Amino acid sequence: MAVSRAERRSDRKRRATEVFGEDLAPIALDLLELTELAWHDCYGEITPSDEMIEAMLLLSEGSIERLIQVARLAVADWRDLKVAADAFRDRA
């Protein structure tokens, strides 16, 4: 498990590139880093779980604008994000 923010970013780079492509992956990773900061303030945890990160990436459907929306949802109430991701997977 990555312990530093830089290590977590590096670990997430491949998946972010799969979802957003080479050009937008750095922007998505910046947003995930901002989400970590908000997550810590709201939940007292260093970072959202891998499951929450994957749910955000999944629900973004490759759109930075949508990633902003789901990141906000994750911080506001992670349970709503989980329900939305489960429903998305059921439709696929």
C-alpha atoms as a PDB file:
ATOM      1  CA  MET A   1       0.000   0.000   0.000  1.00  0.00           C
ATOM      2  CA  ALA A   2       1.354   3.400  -0.989  1.00  0.00           C
ATOM      3  CA  VAL A   3       2.004   5.630   1.985  1.00  0.00           C
ATOM      4  CA  SER A   4       2.808   9.017   0.480  1.00  0.00           C
ATOM      5  CA  ARG A   5       0.578  11.154  -1.686  1.00  0.00           C
ATOM      6  CA  ALA A   6       3.145  10.915  -4.488  1.00  0.00           C
ATOM      7  CA  GLU A   7       3.133   7.111  -4.275  1.00  0.00           C
ATOM      8  CA  ARG A   8      -0.661   6.975  -4.354  1.00  0.00           C
ATOM      9  CA  ARG A   9      -0.668   9.274  -7.378  1.00  0.00           C
ATOM     10  CA  SER A  10       1.868   7.038  -9.119  1.00  0.00           C
ATOM     11  CA  ASP A  11      -0.203   3.934  -8.304  1.00  0.00           C
ATOM     12  CA  ARG A  12      -3.330   5.547  -9.768  1.00  0.00           C
ATOM     13  CA  LYS A  13      -1.706   6.884 -12.932  1.00  0.00           C
ATOM     14  CA  ARG A  14      -2.270   3.775 -15.084  1.00  0.00           C
ATOM     15  CA  ARG A  15      -5.989   3.598 -14.273  1.00  0.00           C
ATOM     16  CA  ALA A  16      -6.461   7.351 -14.729  1.00  0.00           C
ATOM     17  CA  THR A  17      -4.782   7.090 -18.127  1.00  0.00           C
ATOM     18  CA  GLU A  18      -7.088   4.210 -19.113  1.00  0.00           C
ATOM     19  CA  VAL A  19     -10.152   6.269 -18.240  1.00  0.00           C
ATOM     20  CA  PHE A  20      -9.088   9.763 -19.345  1.00  0.00           C
ATOM     21  CA  GLY A  21      -6.237   9.236 -21.821  1.00  0.00           C
ATOM     22  CA  GLU A  22      -2.718  10.634 -21.666  1.00  0.00           C
ATOM     23  CA  ASP A  23      -3.719  14.292 -21.953  1.00  0.00           C
ATOM     24  CA  LEU A  24      -6.376  14.392 -19.239  1.00  0.00           C
ATOM     25  CA  ALA A  25      -4.936  11.847 -16.789  1.00  0.00           C
ATOM     26  CA  PRO A  26      -2.777  14.452 -14.973  1.00  0.00           C
ATOM     27  CA  ILE A  27      -5.852  16.639 -14.458  1.00  0.00           C
ATOM     28  CA  ALA A  28      -7.836  13.679 -13.114  1.00  0.00           C
ATOM     29  CA  LEU A  29      -4.962  12.817 -10.768  1.00  0.00           C
ATOM     30  CA  ASP A  30      -4.881  16.431  -9.538  1.00  0.00           C
ATOM     31  CA  LEU A  31      -8.580  16.197  -8.774  1.00  0.00           C
ATOM     32  CA  LEU A  32      -8.146  12.902  -6.947  1.00  0.00           C
ATOM     33  CA  GLU A  33      -5.424  14.546  -4.877  1.00  0.00           C
ATOM     34  CA  LEU A  34      -7.759  17.404  -3.979  1.00  0.00           C
ATOM     35  CA  THR A  35     -10.385  14.813  -3.093  1.00  0.00           C
ATOM     36  CA  GLU A  36      -7.899  13.227  -0.676  1.00  0.00           C
ATOM     37  CA  LEU A  37      -7.503  16.535   1.130  1.00  0.00           C
ATOM     38  CA  ALA A  38     -11.261  16.998   1.433  1.00  0.00           C
ATOM     39  CA  TRP A  39     -11.692  13.346   2.426  1.00  0.00           C
ATOM     40  CA  HIS A  40      -9.226  13.796   5.258  1.00  0.00           C
ATOM     41  CA  ASP A  41     -11.069  16.879   6.498  1.00  0.00           C
ATOM     42  CA  CYS A  42     -14.455  15.135   6.362  1.00  0.00           C
ATOM     43  CA  TYR A  43     -13.611  11.609   7.469  1.00  0.00           C
ATOM     44  CA  GLY A  44     -10.231  11.851   9.209  1.00  0.00           C
ATOM     45  CA  GLU A  45      -8.764   9.262   6.840  1.00  0.00           C
ATOM     46  CA  ILE A  46      -5.746   9.937   4.648  1.00  0.00           C
ATOM     47  CA  THR A  47      -7.426   8.882   1.427  1.00  0.00           C
ATOM     48  CA  PRO A  48     -10.613   7.333   0.116  1.00  0.00           C
ATOM     49  CA  SER A  49     -10.435   3.562  -0.230  1.00  0.00           C
ATOM     50  CA  ASP A  50      -9.413   2.004  -3.519  1.00  0.00           C
ATOM     51  CA  GLU A  51     -13.075   1.025  -3.908  1.00  0.00           C
ATOM     52  CA  MET A  52     -14.141   4.685  -3.649  1.00  0.00           C
ATOM     53  CA  ILE A  53     -11.453   5.812  -6.103  1.00  0.00           C
ATOM     54  CA  GLU A  54     -12.537   3.137  -8.577  1.00  0.00           C
ATOM     55  CA  ALA A  55     -16.189   4.157  -8.146  1.00  0.00           C
ATOM     56  CA  MET A  56     -15.286   7.766  -8.927  1.00  0.00           C
ATOM     57  CA  LEU A  57     -13.344   6.754 -12.025  1.00  0.00           C
ATOM     58  CA  LEU A  58     -16.102   4.418 -13.174  1.00  0.00           C
ATOM     59  CA  LEU A  59     -18.872   6.971 -12.744  1.00  0.00           C
ATOM     60  CA  SER A  60     -16.847   9.697 -14.420  1.00  0.00           C
ATOM     61  CA  GLU A  61     -17.125   7.799 -17.712  1.00  0.00           C
ATOM     62  CA  GLY A  62     -13.976   9.584 -18.871  1.00  0.00           C
ATOM     63  CA  SER A  63     -15.347  13.090 -18.307  1.00  0.00           C
ATOM     64  CA  ILE A  64     -13.421  15.513 -16.081  1.00  0.00           C
ATOM     65  CA  GLU A  65     -16.636  17.435 -15.458  1.00  0.00           C
ATOM     66  CA  ARG A  66     -18.353  14.259 -14.297  1.00  0.00           C
ATOM     67  CA  LEU A  67     -15.331  13.352 -12.145  1.00  0.00           C
ATOM     68  CA  ILE A  68     -15.735  16.687 -10.375  1.00  0.00           C
ATOM     69  CA  GLN A  69     -19.370  15.855  -9.664  1.00  0.00           C
ATOM     70  CA  VAL A  70     -18.701  12.357  -8.352  1.00  0.00           C
ATOM     71  CA  ALA A  71     -15.710  13.519  -6.288  1.00  0.00           C
ATOM     72  CA  ARG A  72     -17.997  16.033  -4.604  1.00  0.00           C
ATOM     73  CA  LEU A  73     -20.559  13.283  -4.046  1.00  0.00           C
ATOM     74  CA  ALA A  74     -17.879  11.042  -2.535  1.00  0.00           C
ATOM     75  CA  VAL A  75     -16.862  13.688  -0.030  1.00  0.00           C
ATOM     76  CA  ALA A  76     -20.433  14.731   0.764  1.00  0.00           C
ATOM     77  CA  ASP A  77     -21.646  11.151   1.341  1.00  0.00           C
ATOM     78  CA  TRP A  78     -19.545   8.184   0.260  1.00  0.00           C
ATOM     79  CA  ARG A  79     -22.539   5.864   0.635  1.00  0.00           C
ATOM     80  CA  ASP A  80     -24.377   7.671  -2.162  1.00  0.00           C
ATOM     81  CA  LEU A  81     -21.317   7.206  -4.364  1.00  0.00           C
ATOM     82  CA  LYS A  82     -21.247   3.498  -3.581  1.00  0.00           C
ATOM     83  CA  VAL A  83     -24.951   3.097  -4.408  1.00  0.00           C
ATOM     84  CA  ALA A  84     -24.519   5.023  -7.674  1.00  0.00           C
ATOM     85  CA  ALA A  85     -21.528   2.883  -8.682  1.00  0.00           C
ATOM     86  CA  ASP A  86     -23.388  -0.333  -7.883  1.00  0.00           C
ATOM     87  CA  ALA A  87     -26.376   0.819  -9.945  1.00  0.00           C
ATOM     88  CA  PHE A  88     -24.061   1.775 -12.836  1.00  0.00           C
ATOM     89  CA  ARG A  89     -22.444  -1.679 -12.762  1.00  0.00           C
ATOM     90  CA  ASP A  90     -25.870  -3.358 -12.722  1.00  0.00           C
ATOM     91  CA  ARG A  91     -26.893  -1.465 -15.872  1.00  0.00           C
ATOM     92  CA  ALA A  92     -23.693  -2.422 -17.716  1.00  0.00           C
END
